Protein backbone atom coordinates (compact mmCIF):
# COMPACT_ATOMS: atom_id res chain seq x y z
CA MET A 1 -44.93 181.07 58.06
CA ALA A 2 -42.95 178.92 56.49
CA ALA A 3 -42.13 175.69 57.57
CA ARG A 4 -38.33 175.56 59.13
CA PRO A 5 -36.39 172.98 57.18
CA THR A 6 -34.94 170.16 59.60
CA SER A 7 -31.09 169.06 59.16
CA GLU A 8 -32.30 165.46 59.22
CA PRO A 9 -34.79 163.45 56.71
CA SER A 10 -38.34 163.10 58.61
CA GLY A 11 -38.44 159.88 60.52
CA THR A 12 -34.63 159.33 61.02
CA ASP A 13 -33.34 159.54 64.38
CA PRO A 14 -29.61 160.90 64.58
CA LYS A 15 -28.23 158.79 67.42
CA HIS A 16 -29.31 155.91 65.40
CA ALA A 17 -27.38 157.40 62.60
CA VAL A 18 -24.41 157.85 64.72
CA ARG A 19 -24.42 154.24 66.37
CA ALA A 20 -24.60 152.77 63.03
CA THR A 21 -21.77 154.54 61.99
CA ARG A 22 -19.84 153.50 64.70
CA ALA A 23 -21.05 150.03 64.49
CA ALA A 24 -20.19 149.72 60.54
CA GLY A 25 -16.51 151.69 61.67
CA ARG A 26 -15.91 148.54 64.08
CA LYS A 27 -16.86 146.17 61.75
CA MET A 28 -14.84 147.38 59.49
CA ARG A 29 -11.76 148.20 61.57
CA SER A 30 -11.96 144.27 62.41
CA LEU A 31 -12.42 143.28 58.82
CA LEU A 32 -9.02 145.08 57.86
CA LEU A 33 -7.27 143.54 60.85
CA ASP A 34 -8.28 140.00 60.24
CA ALA A 35 -6.80 140.52 56.55
CA ALA A 36 -3.45 142.20 58.11
CA SER A 37 -2.79 139.77 60.56
CA ARG A 38 -3.00 136.70 57.43
CA LEU A 39 -1.32 138.61 55.33
CA PHE A 40 1.44 139.85 57.76
CA LYS A 41 2.20 136.54 58.92
CA GLU A 42 2.51 134.70 55.79
CA GLN A 43 4.46 137.84 54.12
CA GLY A 44 5.86 139.61 56.83
CA LEU A 45 5.65 143.38 57.18
CA ALA A 46 7.92 144.06 54.42
CA GLY A 47 5.67 142.05 51.66
CA ALA A 48 2.52 142.61 52.48
CA SER A 49 1.17 146.15 51.02
CA ILE A 50 -1.43 148.29 51.64
CA THR A 51 -3.34 147.26 48.49
CA ASP A 52 -3.13 143.85 49.28
CA ILE A 53 -4.72 144.11 52.70
CA ALA A 54 -6.99 146.20 51.53
CA ALA A 55 -8.44 143.95 48.50
CA ALA A 56 -8.16 141.05 51.47
CA ALA A 57 -10.51 142.99 53.14
CA ASP A 58 -12.66 144.18 50.48
CA ALA A 59 -11.69 147.72 51.50
CA PHE A 60 -10.04 150.79 50.13
CA PRO A 61 -6.58 151.14 50.93
CA SER A 62 -7.56 155.24 52.05
CA GLN A 63 -9.49 153.27 54.81
CA ILE A 64 -6.39 151.45 56.18
CA THR A 65 -4.97 155.25 56.07
CA TYR A 66 -8.11 156.21 58.13
CA TYR A 67 -8.38 153.72 60.62
CA PHE A 68 -4.85 152.62 61.28
CA ARG A 69 -2.33 155.67 59.88
CA THR A 70 0.56 153.70 58.50
CA LYS A 71 1.05 150.26 57.45
CA GLU A 72 2.95 149.69 60.83
CA ALA A 73 0.28 151.08 63.05
CA LEU A 74 -1.95 148.32 61.33
CA PHE A 75 1.06 145.63 62.02
CA VAL A 76 1.62 146.13 65.56
CA GLU A 77 -2.35 146.62 66.32
CA ALA A 78 -3.00 143.26 64.28
CA ALA A 79 -0.07 141.65 66.73
CA CYS A 80 -1.55 143.00 69.89
CA ARG A 81 -5.19 141.62 69.44
CA ASP A 82 -3.79 138.16 68.20
CA MET A 83 -1.42 137.74 70.87
CA LEU A 84 -4.92 138.69 73.14
CA TYR A 85 -6.81 136.52 71.65
CA VAL A 86 -4.32 133.53 72.09
CA ALA A 87 -3.79 134.38 76.12
CA ARG A 88 -7.51 134.00 75.63
CA ALA A 89 -8.15 130.93 73.51
CA ALA A 90 -5.11 129.41 76.84
CA GLU A 91 -7.18 130.57 79.38
CA GLN A 92 -10.27 128.60 77.93
CA ALA A 93 -8.37 125.51 77.43
CA ALA A 94 -7.14 125.60 80.80
CA LEU A 95 -9.85 125.48 82.19
CA ARG A 96 -10.72 122.20 82.54
CA ALA A 97 -7.16 121.45 84.22
CA GLU A 98 -7.87 119.31 87.27
CA THR A 99 -3.81 119.79 88.56
CA PRO A 100 -1.03 122.19 88.15
CA ARG A 101 0.68 120.19 85.93
CA ASP A 102 -1.95 119.93 83.85
CA TYR A 103 -3.34 123.62 84.18
CA THR A 104 0.51 124.39 83.01
CA ARG A 105 0.76 122.13 79.98
CA ALA A 106 -3.03 122.98 78.54
CA LEU A 107 -1.51 126.85 78.40
CA VAL A 108 1.60 125.88 76.70
CA GLU A 109 0.16 123.72 74.11
CA THR A 110 -2.28 126.53 73.31
CA VAL A 111 0.45 129.24 72.83
CA THR A 112 2.96 127.17 71.26
CA ALA A 113 0.31 125.68 68.23
CA THR A 114 -0.20 128.95 67.40
CA ASP A 115 2.29 131.90 65.49
CA SER A 116 0.42 134.61 67.14
CA VAL A 117 3.35 134.92 69.50
CA ALA A 118 5.88 135.36 67.03
CA PHE A 119 4.14 137.55 65.26
CA PHE A 120 3.82 139.91 68.79
CA ALA A 121 7.59 139.32 68.83
CA GLU A 122 8.11 141.27 65.96
CA ALA A 123 5.86 143.58 66.81
CA LEU A 124 7.79 144.30 69.86
CA THR A 125 11.06 144.85 68.02
CA LEU A 126 9.23 147.45 65.42
CA THR A 127 8.61 149.46 68.41
CA ARG A 128 12.06 150.29 69.22
CA ARG A 129 12.42 152.35 65.93
CA ARG A 130 8.70 153.50 66.24
CA GLN A 131 7.88 154.33 69.79
CA ASP A 132 4.89 156.36 69.32
CA LEU A 133 3.58 152.34 69.01
CA ALA A 134 5.03 151.65 72.04
CA PRO A 135 2.20 152.45 74.08
CA LEU A 136 -0.45 149.78 72.65
CA VAL A 137 2.48 147.30 72.96
CA GLU A 138 2.39 148.52 76.86
CA ARG A 139 -1.08 148.37 77.19
CA THR A 140 -1.07 144.45 75.57
CA ILE A 141 1.54 143.24 77.88
CA GLU A 142 -0.42 144.48 81.03
CA ARG A 143 -3.34 142.73 80.08
CA LEU A 144 -2.00 139.58 79.63
CA HIS A 145 -0.08 140.19 83.26
CA SER A 146 -3.36 141.29 85.11
CA GLU A 147 -5.80 138.72 83.09
CA GLY A 148 -3.08 135.69 83.49
CA LEU A 149 -2.92 136.74 87.48
CA ARG A 150 -6.94 136.65 87.82
CA ALA A 151 -6.75 133.36 85.72
CA TYR A 152 -4.59 131.65 87.84
CA ALA A 153 -5.41 133.23 91.04
CA GLY A 154 -8.99 131.66 90.44
CA GLN A 155 -7.79 127.98 89.81
CA ILE A 156 -5.59 128.28 92.66
CA GLU A 157 -8.76 128.91 94.90
CA ARG A 158 -10.98 127.16 92.83
CA HIS A 159 -8.54 123.64 93.95
CA GLY A 160 -6.87 124.73 96.84
CA TRP A 161 -3.59 124.10 94.93
CA ARG A 162 -0.39 125.46 97.17
CA THR A 163 1.64 127.74 94.13
CA LEU A 164 5.38 127.97 94.70
CA ARG A 165 5.69 131.28 93.69
CA ASP A 166 4.20 134.66 93.86
CA PRO A 167 1.05 134.41 91.65
CA ALA A 168 1.59 138.21 90.13
CA ALA A 169 5.42 136.99 89.36
CA THR A 170 4.31 133.16 87.91
CA SER A 171 1.98 135.37 85.23
CA ARG A 172 4.60 137.34 84.16
CA ARG A 173 7.36 134.63 84.22
CA PHE A 174 4.85 132.52 81.93
CA TRP A 175 4.67 135.47 79.37
CA ALA A 176 8.34 136.28 79.44
CA VAL A 177 9.17 132.32 79.09
CA ALA A 178 6.72 132.06 75.88
CA ILE A 179 8.25 135.14 73.97
CA GLY A 180 11.64 133.63 74.85
CA VAL A 181 11.09 130.54 74.07
CA ILE A 182 8.97 130.83 71.01
CA LEU A 183 11.40 133.49 69.15
CA GLU A 184 14.41 131.41 69.37
CA GLY A 185 12.23 128.21 68.57
CA TYR A 186 11.37 130.15 65.23
CA ALA A 187 14.74 131.16 64.60
CA MET A 188 15.85 127.73 64.84
CA GLY A 189 13.01 126.27 62.43
CA ARG A 190 11.89 124.39 65.52
CA PRO A 191 8.50 122.86 65.58
CA ALA A 192 5.45 123.48 67.64
CA GLU A 193 6.26 119.97 69.62
CA ALA A 194 10.07 121.00 70.54
CA LEU A 195 8.74 124.56 71.36
CA CYS A 196 6.17 122.90 73.94
CA SER A 197 8.70 120.53 75.97
CA GLU A 198 11.21 123.31 76.22
CA MET A 199 8.22 125.57 77.50
CA LEU A 200 7.38 123.06 80.19
CA ARG A 201 11.08 122.09 81.02
CA VAL A 202 11.75 125.95 81.68
CA LEU A 203 8.77 126.55 83.29
CA GLY A 204 8.76 123.48 85.60
CA GLU A 205 6.47 122.89 88.41
CA GLN A 206 4.27 126.30 89.12
CA ALA A 207 2.29 124.96 92.18
CA THR A 208 1.43 121.38 94.00
CA ALA A 209 -2.34 120.08 94.50
CA VAL A 210 -2.86 119.39 98.32
CA SER A 211 -3.41 115.64 98.66
CA SER A 212 -6.77 113.95 99.75
CA ASP A 213 -4.91 113.02 102.85
CA ASN A 214 -4.10 116.46 103.77
CA ASN A 215 -7.52 117.86 102.62
CA ARG A 216 -8.82 114.96 105.08
CA ARG A 217 -6.71 116.09 108.15
CA LEU A 218 -7.71 119.35 107.73
CA ARG A 219 -11.09 118.80 107.80
CA LEU A 220 -10.68 116.54 111.01
CA VAL A 221 -8.61 119.56 112.67
CA ARG A 222 -11.29 121.91 111.60
CA ASP A 223 -14.36 119.43 113.21
CA SER A 224 -12.57 118.78 116.00
CA SER A 225 -11.76 122.27 117.00
CA THR A 226 -15.73 123.18 116.11
CA SER A 227 -16.76 120.01 118.54
CA THR A 228 -14.46 121.43 121.66
CA SER A 229 -15.58 124.79 120.89
CA THR A 230 -18.91 123.85 120.94
CA SER A 231 -18.49 121.91 124.30
CA SER A 232 -16.92 124.15 125.78
CA ASP A 233 -19.56 126.85 124.74
CA GLU A 234 -22.03 123.96 126.55
CA GLU A 235 -19.97 123.91 129.82
CA ALA A 236 -19.85 127.65 130.17
CA SER A 237 -23.84 127.92 129.93
CA SER A 238 -24.50 125.28 132.65
């Protein structure tokens, strides 16, 4: 009886081939997004062609349409990715802050030192005409708010700061101010230093640090309560 032919060459794992294909696809998408981000920031949506972006990524124009369908969709996805990158960088920079003021300054200096927020603002305006691209922007904004809330709440808990507003509102307010100030600043041709100063002015104080004297009083009250409770227990047992 003749041997049954197989669809895969001997020694080939179909699952491995699928994983390799997916990995290659993710890498190509990433390369295209990297190239698109740089060219869109330099030349704008109209100035950067699909052919130029593909060439910069060492790819074919057909691969852009395969992965992203349209240049507008590529623009929005690149802008959203850049926005999440700058948010992550700001969060990392702010981790070293020991006071609420330093925390806010670290966040603001990071987001105003890059053009990623202005790039994202352009994507926001584009979705007015392309509502099919709005869900990606909406998911990005929700991630900014949720991850910003997580980072801010973590700092409050870590340092014992007293927040002046609801933490969720503080996170949403930060990004609303960032987009507004940076968009206005870019329109007016203001440098990064001016954008940083304006953001800090508009945001103001967001939290206060509990002083060492307050911490000491809290510990004394707590210790006193513990001692009183212990003495009462001892009297009750005697």
